[in-house]
N, C-alpha and C. Protein backbone atom coordinates (compact mmCIF):
# COMPACT_ATOMS: atom_id res chain seq x y z
N MET A 1 8.91 1.52 8.22
CA MET A 1 9.48 1.42 9.55
C MET A 1 9.50 2.81 10.16
N GLU A 2 9.18 2.89 11.42
CA GLU A 2 9.19 4.18 12.10
C GLU A 2 10.21 4.15 13.23
N ILE A 3 10.82 5.29 13.44
CA ILE A 3 11.74 5.42 14.57
C ILE A 3 11.35 6.64 15.37
N GLY A 4 11.69 6.63 16.64
CA GLY A 4 11.42 7.79 17.47
C GLY A 4 12.55 8.79 17.38
N THR A 5 12.22 10.05 17.47
CA THR A 5 13.23 11.09 17.49
C THR A 5 13.36 11.61 18.91
N ALA A 6 14.29 12.50 19.12
CA ALA A 6 14.56 13.00 20.47
C ALA A 6 13.34 13.67 21.10
N ASP A 7 12.50 14.31 20.29
CA ASP A 7 11.33 14.98 20.85
C ASP A 7 10.11 14.06 20.95
N GLY A 8 10.28 12.78 20.66
CA GLY A 8 9.20 11.81 20.81
C GLY A 8 8.36 11.64 19.56
N ALA A 9 8.56 12.45 18.54
CA ALA A 9 7.79 12.33 17.31
C ALA A 9 8.32 11.15 16.50
N ASN A 10 7.46 10.54 15.71
CA ASN A 10 7.88 9.43 14.84
C ASN A 10 7.95 9.92 13.41
N ARG A 11 8.87 9.35 12.68
CA ARG A 11 8.96 9.66 11.25
C ARG A 11 9.24 8.38 10.50
N THR A 12 8.81 8.32 9.29
CA THR A 12 8.96 7.12 8.48
C THR A 12 10.25 7.21 7.69
N ILE A 13 10.98 6.12 7.68
CA ILE A 13 12.21 6.02 6.89
C ILE A 13 11.88 5.22 5.64
N ASP A 14 12.21 5.74 4.49
CA ASP A 14 11.91 4.96 3.30
C ASP A 14 12.95 3.84 3.13
N ALA A 15 12.60 2.86 2.33
CA ALA A 15 13.41 1.64 2.18
C ALA A 15 14.81 1.94 1.65
N ARG A 16 14.92 2.90 0.75
CA ARG A 16 16.24 3.21 0.18
C ARG A 16 17.17 3.81 1.23
N THR A 17 16.63 4.66 2.08
CA THR A 17 17.43 5.27 3.13
C THR A 17 17.90 4.20 4.12
N MET A 18 16.98 3.30 4.48
CA MET A 18 17.33 2.23 5.40
C MET A 18 18.38 1.31 4.79
N LEU A 19 18.21 0.95 3.52
CA LEU A 19 19.17 0.09 2.84
C LEU A 19 20.54 0.75 2.79
N ALA A 20 20.60 2.03 2.50
CA ALA A 20 21.88 2.74 2.47
C ALA A 20 22.54 2.73 3.83
N ALA A 21 21.76 2.92 4.89
CA ALA A 21 22.32 2.91 6.25
C ALA A 21 22.85 1.53 6.61
N VAL A 22 22.12 0.50 6.23
CA VAL A 22 22.56 -0.88 6.53
C VAL A 22 23.84 -1.20 5.76
N ARG A 23 23.89 -0.79 4.49
CA ARG A 23 25.10 -1.05 3.71
C ARG A 23 26.30 -0.30 4.27
N LYS A 24 26.11 0.92 4.72
CA LYS A 24 27.19 1.71 5.32
C LYS A 24 27.69 1.03 6.59
N GLU A 25 26.76 0.57 7.43
CA GLU A 25 27.13 -0.12 8.66
C GLU A 25 27.86 -1.43 8.36
N MET A 26 27.40 -2.15 7.35
CA MET A 26 28.05 -3.40 6.97
C MET A 26 29.48 -3.14 6.49
N TRP A 27 29.67 -2.09 5.71
CA TRP A 27 31.00 -1.75 5.23
C TRP A 27 31.91 -1.42 6.41
N ARG A 28 31.39 -0.63 7.38
CA ARG A 28 32.18 -0.27 8.55
C ARG A 28 32.58 -1.50 9.35
N MET A 29 31.66 -2.43 9.51
CA MET A 29 31.95 -3.64 10.26
C MET A 29 32.96 -4.53 9.53
N GLU A 30 32.90 -4.58 8.21
CA GLU A 30 33.87 -5.34 7.43
C GLU A 30 35.27 -4.74 7.59
N VAL A 31 35.37 -3.42 7.58
CA VAL A 31 36.66 -2.75 7.78
C VAL A 31 37.20 -3.05 9.17
N GLU A 32 36.35 -2.95 10.19
CA GLU A 32 36.77 -3.26 11.55
C GLU A 32 37.22 -4.71 11.67
N ASN A 33 36.49 -5.62 11.03
CA ASN A 33 36.85 -7.03 11.06
C ASN A 33 38.22 -7.26 10.44
N GLU A 34 38.50 -6.61 9.33
CA GLU A 34 39.79 -6.75 8.67
C GLU A 34 40.91 -6.21 9.56
N ILE A 35 40.69 -5.10 10.21
CA ILE A 35 41.69 -4.54 11.13
C ILE A 35 41.97 -5.52 12.26
N LEU A 36 40.92 -6.06 12.85
CA LEU A 36 41.09 -7.02 13.94
C LEU A 36 41.78 -8.31 13.48
N ARG A 37 41.45 -8.77 12.27
CA ARG A 37 42.10 -9.96 11.72
C ARG A 37 43.60 -9.73 11.55
N ARG A 38 43.97 -8.56 11.02
CA ARG A 38 45.39 -8.26 10.84
C ARG A 38 46.11 -8.10 12.17
N ALA A 39 45.45 -7.48 13.14
CA ALA A 39 46.06 -7.32 14.46
C ALA A 39 46.28 -8.68 15.12
N ALA A 40 45.29 -9.56 15.01
CA ALA A 40 45.42 -10.90 15.59
C ALA A 40 46.57 -11.66 14.93
N ALA A 41 46.70 -11.55 13.62
CA ALA A 41 47.79 -12.22 12.91
C ALA A 41 49.14 -11.65 13.35
N HIS A 42 49.20 -10.34 13.51
CA HIS A 42 50.44 -9.69 13.94
C HIS A 42 50.87 -10.19 15.32
N PHE A 43 49.94 -10.20 16.27
CA PHE A 43 50.28 -10.64 17.62
C PHE A 43 50.54 -12.14 17.68
N ALA A 44 49.92 -12.92 16.82
CA ALA A 44 50.18 -14.36 16.78
C ALA A 44 51.61 -14.61 16.31
N ARG A 45 52.07 -13.86 15.33
CA ARG A 45 53.46 -14.01 14.85
C ARG A 45 54.44 -13.57 15.92
N GLU A 46 54.09 -12.55 16.66
CA GLU A 46 54.97 -12.01 17.68
C GLU A 46 55.16 -12.96 18.86
N ASN A 47 54.17 -13.79 19.14
CA ASN A 47 54.21 -14.67 20.31
C ASN A 47 54.62 -16.08 19.99
N VAL A 48 55.23 -16.31 18.83
CA VAL A 48 55.69 -17.66 18.48
C VAL A 48 57.04 -17.89 19.14
N PHE A 49 57.13 -19.02 19.83
CA PHE A 49 58.39 -19.35 20.51
C PHE A 49 59.23 -20.23 19.58
N PRO A 50 60.53 -19.96 19.51
CA PRO A 50 61.40 -20.77 18.64
C PRO A 50 61.62 -22.17 19.15
C-alpha cells in the first residue's frame, strides 16, 4: 500500500506497520466507546423520574 506524503512523494508501508497502526486505532476507538457507554449510563440514571 502506498500513501502520499506532504511533499507529494509516495512511500510503501509494510504490512506490519499498517497492522500496528490499525490495532492502535482499534484500541483507541474501544476506549472511546467505553467512555461514551459509561457517560450514557450515567446520564440515563440521572434522568430517571421517580
